[in-house]
């Protein structure tokens, strides 16, 4: 792997380019690669890709992009270039498992297997906005979910009555975030559970601030450092990566391709969804990657966008599985809000497709999450049940595709449902959903049983 200090040097000395020109270069190159590798006319009618050659071609297109175009540092306005041997070597060396947490709470997070029919790794939350008064209690509730491998922090606008603004308050807020998370996992009886820092700010000062093996981030914990959309990186993240890698921390990369942006449609986003994890590993040393393909309208919570985005997402997962050791995850986001039938149907669809594609499941959350209304423990517990039912049914891609199409038919024409806050639909003291949410939960599970899934408990 290229040394991180070498990446930093290239970010400082690479060819200077205006960001607007980079965006246009990216768009043109994506369209060129789609045609060269014939990515737009093969299997797009499927809900889950079953063409292994297509996955391999998409992977080669992604490598061509990295070698020919590189990555863009938004801090220095310079292009970072890599040669083919450096890229292929990085792909070969990427870890296929990460040891996280300590003591009896230690976990091994592994790369999944396409069509593997095995239980997958789980991050149940947060990556969502919560007020500071709920912080430790929310963390406790998510840590109480037995299958939890790690939990991520959350963001908030006010700390100790002060607006989180500029470096001093950002650094302080990051320290408080980790302290609340540490308190929450301790109260859940899982003091060794791995914690991942959710950035209050991407400045190196706030990312490094919580490093404290006793009260803050331990070397068995991690942090989120994402490759930005359109294959862009930040100098502060490279700085942070140099520090954290020296002490053994792991890092998580948010790296999906975005349909509807400068990459174009699902096919261009498919290439980006493969490129960004690889860049995340090279530039930041990221070892876990939530990736795939999303549509801009879905991420913005405007409308439920499914096919062919689901198909493109499956190609990304299969390309990484077949050609790398990289550990990839699917971010289980929904347009619909908490305590809604539509939200759980969206959740179920993603849980099935992730499991069949060998993707670990990451932080189910409302896409446009309102304060204290982004997630409850219900969604990850449901996600785990659906994933385990998928494993129990030994669903392969073709079979899963038929079930997913039926779920999509139920979602067709629906608008995103408005929902409730966590306080309105979940008892954080008793670790229990409201009666209303329990009824919705049971109804959606029954619908899935009718489609062929078999749950351990009904």
Protein backbone atom coordinates (compact mmCIF):
# COMPACT_ATOMS: atom_id res chain seq x y z
CA UNK A 1 0.00 0.00 0.00
CA UNK A 2 1.16 3.53 -0.74
CA UNK A 3 2.30 5.32 2.41
CA UNK A 4 -0.14 7.94 3.61
CA UNK A 5 2.59 10.55 3.74
CA UNK A 6 3.16 9.91 0.03
CA UNK A 7 -0.55 10.49 -0.60
CA UNK A 8 -0.27 13.75 1.37
CA UNK A 9 2.71 14.79 -0.76
CA UNK A 10 0.83 14.11 -4.00
CA UNK A 11 -2.17 16.06 -2.70
CA UNK A 12 0.20 19.01 -2.23
CA UNK A 13 2.19 18.74 -5.46
CA UNK A 14 -0.17 17.12 -7.99
CA UNK A 15 -1.48 18.97 -11.07
CA UNK A 16 -3.61 21.97 -10.14
CA UNK A 17 -7.17 21.91 -11.50
CA UNK A 18 -10.31 23.95 -10.91
CA UNK A 19 -13.02 21.90 -9.20
CA UNK A 20 -15.51 22.68 -11.98
CA UNK A 21 -13.10 21.21 -14.55
CA UNK A 22 -12.63 18.12 -12.38
CA UNK A 23 -16.41 17.60 -12.28
CA UNK A 24 -16.64 17.82 -16.07
CA UNK A 25 -13.66 15.49 -16.50
CA UNK A 26 -15.31 12.97 -14.19
CA UNK A 27 -18.60 13.10 -16.12
CA UNK A 28 -16.92 12.65 -19.51
CA UNK A 29 -14.74 9.77 -18.29
CA UNK A 30 -17.70 7.94 -16.74
CA UNK A 31 -19.65 8.14 -20.00
CA UNK A 32 -16.62 6.92 -21.92
CA UNK A 33 -16.15 3.92 -19.61
CA UNK A 34 -19.85 2.99 -19.73
CA UNK A 35 -19.59 2.68 -23.51
CA UNK A 36 -16.18 0.99 -23.51
CA UNK A 37 -17.28 -1.73 -21.09
CA UNK A 38 -20.88 -1.93 -22.34
CA UNK A 39 -22.30 -1.40 -18.85
CA UNK A 40 -25.71 -0.01 -19.78
CA UNK A 41 -27.27 -2.86 -21.74
CA UNK A 42 -26.55 -6.00 -19.73
CA UNK A 43 -28.94 -7.25 -17.08
CA UNK A 44 -30.39 -3.87 -16.23
CA UNK A 45 -33.89 -5.39 -16.22
CA UNK A 46 -32.94 -7.56 -13.22
CA UNK A 47 -33.48 -6.46 -9.63
CA UNK A 48 -30.21 -8.12 -8.55
CA UNK A 49 -27.37 -8.68 -10.97
CA UNK A 50 -26.69 -12.33 -11.88
CA UNK A 51 -24.01 -11.67 -14.52
CA UNK A 52 -20.60 -12.21 -12.94
CA UNK A 53 -18.83 -10.98 -16.07
CA UNK A 54 -20.65 -7.66 -15.77
CA UNK A 55 -19.42 -7.28 -12.19
CA UNK A 56 -15.86 -7.95 -13.35
CA UNK A 57 -16.16 -5.47 -16.23
CA UNK A 58 -17.50 -2.79 -13.88
CA UNK A 59 -14.53 -3.41 -11.60
CA UNK A 60 -12.05 -3.01 -14.47
CA UNK A 61 -13.81 0.19 -15.52
CA UNK A 62 -13.34 1.50 -11.98
CA UNK A 63 -9.63 0.67 -12.02
CA UNK A 64 -9.28 2.40 -15.38
CA UNK A 65 -10.89 5.50 -13.89
CA UNK A 66 -8.50 5.59 -10.94
CA UNK A 67 -5.41 5.07 -13.11
CA UNK A 68 -6.46 7.51 -15.85
CA UNK A 69 -8.11 10.23 -13.75
CA UNK A 70 -7.14 9.75 -10.06
CA UNK A 71 -8.74 11.56 -7.12
CA UNK A 72 -9.26 15.25 -6.40
CA UNK A 73 -8.15 17.04 -3.22
CA UNK A 74 -10.66 19.81 -2.54
CA UNK A 75 -8.33 21.45 -0.02
CA UNK A 76 -5.43 22.00 -2.39
CA UNK A 77 -7.34 21.90 -5.71
CA UNK A 78 -4.91 19.31 -7.00
CA UNK A 79 -5.29 15.93 -8.66
CA UNK A 80 -3.75 12.91 -6.95
CA UNK A 81 -2.52 10.34 -9.47
CA UNK A 82 -1.78 6.63 -8.97
CA UNK A 83 -0.23 4.17 -11.39
CA UNK A 84 -1.82 0.82 -12.21
CA UNK A 85 0.55 -1.30 -10.11
CA UNK A 86 -0.05 0.89 -7.05
CA UNK A 87 -3.82 0.52 -7.43
CA UNK A 88 -3.79 -3.23 -8.04
CA UNK A 89 -1.38 -3.73 -5.15
CA UNK A 90 -3.69 -1.77 -2.84
CA UNK A 91 -6.66 -3.88 -3.91
CA UNK A 92 -4.71 -7.06 -3.17
CA UNK A 93 -3.56 -5.83 0.26
CA UNK A 94 -6.88 -4.48 1.57
CA UNK A 95 -7.87 -6.44 4.72
CA UNK A 96 -10.74 -8.93 4.57
CA UNK A 97 -11.40 -8.72 8.30
CA UNK A 98 -11.03 -6.22 11.13
CA UNK A 99 -10.76 -7.01 14.84
CA UNK A 100 -12.64 -4.38 16.83
CA UNK A 101 -13.63 -3.88 20.46
CA UNK A 102 -11.98 -5.59 23.40
CA UNK A 103 -12.52 -8.34 25.96
CA UNK A 104 -15.74 -10.31 25.65
CA UNK A 105 -17.13 -7.52 23.44
CA UNK A 106 -14.46 -7.96 20.76
CA UNK A 107 -15.79 -8.75 17.28
CA UNK A 108 -14.34 -9.78 13.94
CA UNK A 109 -15.87 -7.85 11.05
CA UNK A 110 -15.47 -9.77 7.78
CA UNK A 111 -16.08 -9.50 4.08
CA UNK A 112 -19.36 -11.19 3.18
CA UNK A 113 -20.03 -13.79 0.49
CA UNK A 114 -22.38 -13.36 -2.48
CA UNK A 115 -25.01 -16.14 -2.37
CA UNK A 116 -23.21 -17.29 0.76
CA UNK A 117 -26.26 -17.76 3.01
CA UNK A 118 -24.32 -16.87 6.16
CA UNK A 119 -25.15 -14.37 8.94
CA UNK A 120 -23.54 -11.02 8.26
CA UNK A 121 -21.97 -8.32 10.42
CA UNK A 122 -24.13 -5.55 11.84
CA UNK A 123 -23.81 -1.89 12.81
CA UNK A 124 -27.27 -0.94 14.16
CA UNK A 125 -26.74 2.87 14.47
CA UNK A 126 -26.30 5.82 14.79
CA UNK A 127 -25.04 8.20 12.04
CA UNK A 128 -28.10 10.29 12.95
CA UNK A 129 -28.98 13.52 14.78
CA UNK A 130 -29.89 13.36 18.49
CA UNK A 131 -29.94 16.03 21.17
CA UNK A 132 -27.30 15.75 23.88
CA UNK A 133 -29.84 14.91 26.59
CA UNK A 134 -30.72 11.64 24.79
CA UNK A 135 -27.15 10.71 23.82
CA UNK A 136 -26.08 8.16 26.48
CA UNK A 137 -29.55 6.60 26.70
CA UNK A 138 -29.83 6.17 22.93
CA UNK A 139 -26.33 4.64 22.81
CA UNK A 140 -27.28 2.23 25.60
CA UNK A 141 -30.38 1.04 23.71
CA UNK A 142 -28.45 0.30 20.52
CA UNK A 143 -25.66 -1.44 22.43
CA UNK A 144 -28.32 -3.70 23.98
CA UNK A 145 -28.99 -5.28 20.59
CA UNK A 146 -27.10 -8.62 20.91
CA UNK A 147 -25.86 -8.79 17.31
CA UNK A 148 -24.23 -5.35 17.48
CA UNK A 149 -20.60 -5.43 16.27
CA UNK A 150 -19.99 -1.69 16.68
CA UNK A 151 -22.03 1.49 17.04
CA UNK A 152 -21.34 4.85 15.50
CA UNK A 153 -21.67 8.24 17.11
CA UNK A 154 -24.22 10.94 16.31
CA UNK A 155 -24.31 14.62 15.49
CA UNK A 156 -25.89 17.50 17.42
CA UNK A 157 -25.96 21.31 17.05
CA UNK A 158 -25.67 22.32 20.71
CA UNK A 159 -23.37 21.10 23.50
CA UNK A 160 -23.59 22.31 27.11
CA UNK A 161 -25.92 25.07 25.96
CA UNK A 162 -23.48 26.40 23.36
CA UNK A 163 -23.73 26.30 19.57
CA UNK A 164 -21.20 23.89 18.08
CA UNK A 165 -19.25 26.39 16.03
CA UNK A 166 -15.61 26.56 14.88
CA UNK A 167 -12.61 24.56 16.06
CA UNK A 168 -12.68 24.87 19.88
CA UNK A 169 -16.37 23.91 20.20
CA UNK A 170 -16.08 21.25 17.48
CA UNK A 171 -13.20 19.58 19.30
CA UNK A 172 -15.06 19.77 22.62
CA UNK A 173 -18.24 18.38 21.05
CA UNK A 174 -16.31 15.44 19.59
CA UNK A 175 -14.90 14.65 23.05
CA UNK A 176 -18.38 14.82 24.57
CA UNK A 177 -19.88 12.63 21.82
CA UNK A 178 -17.45 9.80 22.52
CA UNK A 179 -17.89 10.21 26.30
CA UNK A 180 -21.67 9.80 25.91
CA UNK A 181 -21.17 6.75 23.70
CA UNK A 182 -18.74 5.24 26.19
CA UNK A 183 -21.22 5.84 29.01
CA UNK A 184 -24.01 4.26 26.97
CA UNK A 185 -22.19 1.02 26.14
CA UNK A 186 -21.04 0.73 29.77
CA UNK A 187 -24.62 1.04 31.02
CA UNK A 188 -25.64 -1.61 28.49
CA UNK A 189 -23.16 -4.00 30.11
CA UNK A 190 -20.89 -3.99 27.04
CA UNK A 191 -17.96 -1.72 28.00
CA UNK A 192 -15.65 -3.26 25.42
CA UNK A 193 -17.98 -2.69 22.45
CA UNK A 194 -16.29 -0.85 19.58
CA UNK A 195 -17.29 2.78 19.01
CA UNK A 196 -16.88 4.72 15.77
CA UNK A 197 -16.58 8.50 15.92
CA UNK A 198 -19.15 10.33 13.81
CA UNK A 199 -17.41 13.56 12.73
CA UNK A 200 -18.80 16.71 14.29
CA UNK A 201 -16.46 18.42 11.84
CA UNK A 202 -13.99 17.14 9.26
CA UNK A 203 -11.19 19.29 10.70
CA UNK A 204 -8.28 17.19 11.93
CA UNK A 205 -8.43 18.99 15.29
CA UNK A 206 -11.92 17.66 16.10
CA UNK A 207 -11.26 14.19 14.68
CA UNK A 208 -8.12 13.69 16.76
CA UNK A 209 -9.50 15.34 19.93
CA UNK A 210 -11.33 12.26 21.36
CA UNK A 211 -8.28 9.96 21.23
CA UNK A 212 -8.09 8.75 24.84
CA UNK A 213 -7.66 5.04 25.68
CA UNK A 214 -9.43 5.43 29.04
CA UNK A 215 -12.30 7.86 28.48
CA UNK A 216 -12.44 8.32 24.72
CA UNK A 217 -11.54 6.42 21.58
CA UNK A 218 -9.36 3.37 22.19
CA UNK A 219 -7.06 1.76 19.60
CA UNK A 220 -9.77 -0.93 19.18
CA UNK A 221 -12.27 1.78 18.13
CA UNK A 222 -12.61 3.65 14.85
CA UNK A 223 -13.78 6.79 13.09
CA UNK A 224 -15.69 7.75 9.96
CA UNK A 225 -13.56 9.28 7.20
CA UNK A 226 -15.41 9.27 3.91
CA UNK A 227 -14.32 9.76 0.34
CA UNK A 228 -16.50 12.63 -0.83
CA UNK A 229 -18.94 12.40 -3.75
CA UNK A 230 -17.35 12.71 -7.19
CA UNK A 231 -14.14 11.04 -5.94
CA UNK A 232 -12.86 13.90 -3.80
CA UNK A 233 -10.67 13.80 -0.69
CA UNK A 234 -9.71 16.25 2.08
CA UNK A 235 -6.30 17.22 3.43
CA UNK A 236 -7.57 17.10 7.02
CA UNK A 237 -8.70 13.49 6.55
CA UNK A 238 -5.27 12.53 5.23
CA UNK A 239 -3.73 14.23 8.28
CA UNK A 240 -6.07 12.37 10.62
CA UNK A 241 -5.44 9.08 8.83
CA UNK A 242 -1.69 9.41 9.40
CA UNK A 243 -2.26 9.92 13.14
CA UNK A 244 -4.90 7.21 13.67
CA UNK A 245 -3.12 4.55 11.58
CA UNK A 246 -0.01 5.04 13.71
CA UNK A 247 -1.96 3.91 16.78
CA UNK A 248 -3.92 1.05 15.20
CA UNK A 249 -7.45 2.48 14.95
CA UNK A 250 -9.73 1.32 12.12
CA UNK A 251 -11.60 3.68 9.82
CA UNK A 252 -14.98 3.57 8.07
CA UNK A 253 -15.62 5.04 4.63
CA UNK A 254 -18.99 6.30 3.40
CA UNK A 255 -18.51 5.81 -0.29
CA UNK A 256 -21.58 5.03 -2.42
CA UNK A 257 -21.97 6.22 -6.00
CA UNK A 258 -24.60 8.89 -6.60
CA UNK A 259 -26.98 8.59 -9.55
CA UNK A 260 -28.26 11.97 -10.60
CA UNK A 261 -24.96 13.76 -9.93
CA UNK A 262 -21.84 14.37 -12.01
CA UNK A 263 -21.43 10.61 -12.57
CA UNK A 264 -24.68 10.56 -14.53
CA UNK A 265 -27.13 7.68 -14.24
CA UNK A 266 -26.93 4.35 -12.37
CA UNK A 267 -24.16 2.99 -14.61
CA UNK A 268 -21.80 5.89 -13.91
CA UNK A 269 -22.71 5.79 -10.22
CA UNK A 270 -21.94 2.07 -10.32
CA UNK A 271 -18.36 2.84 -11.34
CA UNK A 272 -18.11 5.52 -8.65
CA UNK A 273 -19.44 3.06 -6.06
CA UNK A 274 -16.44 0.83 -6.77
CA UNK A 275 -13.90 3.66 -7.12
CA UNK A 276 -14.64 5.42 -3.83
CA UNK A 277 -13.90 2.47 -1.49
CA UNK A 278 -10.60 1.86 -3.27
CA UNK A 279 -9.66 5.55 -2.97
CA UNK A 280 -10.77 5.49 0.67
CA UNK A 281 -8.39 2.65 1.40
CA UNK A 282 -5.47 4.23 -0.48
CA UNK A 283 -5.89 7.83 0.73
CA UNK A 284 -7.20 7.27 4.27
CA UNK A 285 -6.50 3.63 5.13
CA UNK A 286 -10.25 2.94 5.47
CA UNK A 287 -10.95 -0.75 6.10
CA UNK A 288 -14.79 -0.79 6.22
CA UNK A 289 -16.85 0.77 3.43
CA UNK A 290 -20.57 1.41 3.17
CA UNK A 291 -21.03 1.70 -0.55
CA UNK A 292 -23.27 0.75 -3.46
CA UNK A 293 -25.41 3.15 -5.49
CA UNK A 294 -28.02 5.66 -4.35
CA UNK A 295 -30.18 8.16 -6.21
CA UNK A 296 -29.98 11.82 -5.28
CA UNK A 297 -33.78 12.08 -4.91
CA UNK A 298 -33.83 9.10 -2.53
CA UNK A 299 -31.00 10.40 -0.36
CA UNK A 300 -32.81 13.75 -0.18
CA UNK A 301 -35.96 11.95 0.96
CA UNK A 302 -37.99 13.26 -1.97
CA UNK A 303 -39.21 9.99 -3.49
CA UNK A 304 -38.70 6.24 -3.24
CA UNK A 305 -36.33 5.30 -6.09
CA UNK A 306 -35.73 1.58 -6.59
CA UNK A 307 -35.01 -0.08 -9.94
CA UNK A 308 -32.49 0.16 -11.61
CA UNK A 309 -30.60 1.66 -8.66
CA UNK A 310 -30.90 -1.64 -6.75
CA UNK A 311 -29.46 -3.49 -9.73
CA UNK A 312 -26.52 -1.08 -9.98
CA UNK A 313 -25.92 -1.40 -6.23
CA UNK A 314 -25.74 -5.20 -6.52
CA UNK A 315 -23.12 -4.88 -9.27
CA UNK A 316 -20.94 -2.78 -6.96
CA UNK A 317 -21.12 -5.33 -4.14
CA UNK A 318 -20.44 -8.27 -6.44
CA UNK A 319 -17.54 -6.48 -8.14
CA UNK A 320 -15.86 -5.86 -4.78
CA UNK A 321 -16.56 -9.41 -3.60
CA UNK A 322 -15.16 -11.06 -6.72
CA UNK A 323 -12.11 -8.84 -7.20
CA UNK A 324 -11.00 -7.57 -3.79
CA UNK A 325 -10.72 -8.46 -0.10
CA UNK A 326 -12.49 -5.23 0.83
CA UNK A 327 -15.19 -5.27 3.51
CA UNK A 328 -18.30 -3.61 2.14
CA UNK A 329 -21.60 -2.66 3.80
CA UNK A 330 -25.02 -1.45 2.66
CA UNK A 331 -26.40 1.65 4.35
CA UNK A 332 -30.00 0.75 5.10
CA UNK A 333 -31.60 4.14 4.56
CA UNK A 334 -35.31 4.73 3.99
CA UNK A 335 -37.26 7.67 2.59
CA UNK A 336 -40.13 6.99 4.98
CA UNK A 337 -39.86 7.95 8.63
CA UNK A 338 -40.15 6.07 11.92
CA UNK A 339 -43.20 4.03 12.92
CA UNK A 340 -44.46 3.58 9.34
CA UNK A 341 -45.28 0.50 7.27
CA UNK A 342 -43.57 1.94 4.20
CA UNK A 343 -40.38 2.56 6.18
CA UNK A 344 -40.19 -1.08 7.30
CA UNK A 345 -40.89 -2.34 3.76
CA UNK A 346 -38.01 -0.22 2.47
CA UNK A 347 -35.87 -1.59 5.30
CA UNK A 348 -36.82 -5.19 4.42
CA UNK A 349 -35.96 -4.72 0.76
CA UNK A 350 -32.47 -3.46 1.57
CA UNK A 351 -31.90 -6.11 4.25
CA UNK A 352 -32.63 -8.93 1.79
CA UNK A 353 -30.56 -7.50 -1.05
CA UNK A 354 -27.60 -6.77 1.23
CA UNK A 355 -27.56 -10.29 2.64
CA UNK A 356 -27.73 -11.96 -0.77
CA UNK A 357 -24.98 -9.67 -2.07
CA UNK A 358 -22.72 -10.39 0.93
CA UNK A 359 -22.91 -6.82 2.26
CA UNK A 360 -22.80 -6.17 6.00
CA UNK A 361 -25.69 -4.03 7.23
CA UNK A 362 -25.01 -0.48 8.35
CA UNK A 363 -26.95 2.00 10.51
CA UNK A 364 -30.59 1.90 9.33
CA UNK A 365 -31.78 5.50 9.27
CA UNK A 366 -34.29 7.83 7.69
CA UNK A 367 -32.52 9.43 4.71
CA UNK A 368 -33.47 13.01 5.64
CA UNK A 369 -33.43 12.46 9.38
CA UNK A 370 -35.05 15.04 11.62
CA UNK A 371 -33.63 15.69 15.09
CA UNK A 372 -34.44 12.73 17.38
CA UNK A 373 -36.40 11.16 14.50
CA UNK A 374 -33.75 9.36 12.48
CA UNK A 375 -33.83 5.87 14.01
CA UNK A 376 -34.92 3.65 16.89
CA UNK A 377 -33.73 0.14 17.89
CA UNK A 378 -36.78 -1.25 16.05
CA UNK A 379 -35.26 -0.75 12.59
CA UNK A 380 -31.97 -2.59 13.24
CA UNK A 381 -33.76 -5.39 15.10
CA UNK A 382 -36.13 -5.77 12.14
CA UNK A 383 -33.18 -5.57 9.73
CA UNK A 384 -31.42 -8.40 11.58
CA UNK A 385 -34.56 -10.57 11.61
CA UNK A 386 -35.09 -10.11 7.87
CA UNK A 387 -31.42 -10.81 7.12
CA UNK A 388 -31.45 -13.97 9.24
CA UNK A 389 -34.69 -15.11 7.55
CA UNK A 390 -32.99 -14.59 4.18
CA UNK A 391 -30.10 -16.77 5.33
CA UNK A 392 -32.47 -19.41 6.69
CA UNK A 393 -34.32 -19.55 3.36
CA UNK A 394 -30.96 -19.96 1.56
CA UNK A 395 -32.03 -17.39 -1.01
CA UNK A 396 -29.82 -17.00 -4.05
CA UNK A 397 -29.76 -13.94 -6.27
CA UNK A 398 -32.47 -15.01 -8.70
CA UNK A 399 -34.88 -16.11 -5.97
CA UNK A 400 -34.20 -13.00 -3.91
CA UNK A 401 -34.77 -10.85 -6.97
CA UNK A 402 -38.31 -12.20 -7.33
CA UNK A 403 -39.12 -11.43 -3.69
CA UNK A 404 -37.60 -7.98 -3.97
CA UNK A 405 -39.71 -7.29 -7.05
CA UNK A 406 -42.84 -8.14 -5.06
CA UNK A 407 -41.80 -5.79 -2.26
CA UNK A 408 -41.09 -3.12 -4.88
CA UNK A 409 -44.59 -3.67 -6.28
CA UNK A 410 -46.00 -2.94 -2.81
CA UNK A 411 -43.94 0.25 -2.66
CA UNK A 412 -44.80 1.37 -6.19
CA UNK A 413 -46.64 4.65 -6.25
CA UNK A 414 -46.18 5.32 -2.53
CA UNK A 415 -44.85 8.62 -1.30
CA UNK A 416 -42.45 8.73 1.65
CA UNK A 417 -44.50 8.46 4.86
CA UNK A 418 -44.13 11.01 7.62
CA UNK A 419 -43.49 9.44 11.02
CA UNK A 420 -42.74 10.09 14.65
CA UNK A 421 -39.82 11.00 16.89
CA UNK A 422 -38.01 8.34 18.90
CA UNK A 423 -39.70 9.59 22.10
CA UNK A 424 -43.14 9.16 20.50
CA UNK A 425 -42.70 5.58 19.32
CA UNK A 426 -40.06 4.01 21.58
CA UNK A 427 -39.56 3.65 25.35
CA UNK A 428 -35.83 4.23 25.86
CA UNK A 429 -36.04 3.27 29.53
CA UNK A 430 -37.74 -0.09 29.00
CA UNK A 431 -36.05 -0.75 25.61
CA UNK A 432 -39.43 -1.33 24.00
CA UNK A 433 -41.38 0.07 21.01
CA UNK A 434 -44.83 1.61 21.38
CA UNK A 435 -47.89 -0.60 20.88
CA UNK A 436 -48.54 1.14 17.56
CA UNK A 437 -45.04 0.40 16.27
CA UNK A 438 -45.26 -3.22 17.44
CA UNK A 439 -48.45 -3.68 15.42
CA UNK A 440 -46.85 -2.21 12.30
CA UNK A 441 -43.81 -4.46 12.87
CA UNK A 442 -45.98 -7.58 13.09
CA UNK A 443 -48.00 -6.64 10.00
CA UNK A 444 -44.93 -6.16 7.79
CA UNK A 445 -43.39 -9.42 9.06
CA UNK A 446 -46.61 -11.24 8.12
CA UNK A 447 -46.43 -9.73 4.63
CA UNK A 448 -42.87 -11.03 4.28
CA UNK A 449 -43.87 -14.50 5.48
CA UNK A 450 -46.51 -14.50 2.71
CA UNK A 451 -43.69 -13.76 0.25
CA UNK A 452 -41.66 -16.78 1.38
CA UNK A 453 -39.48 -15.66 4.26
CA UNK A 454 -39.44 -17.76 7.43
CA UNK A 455 -38.74 -15.96 10.71
CA UNK A 456 -37.55 -17.55 13.91
CA UNK A 457 -40.22 -15.65 15.83
CA UNK A 458 -43.52 -14.34 14.45
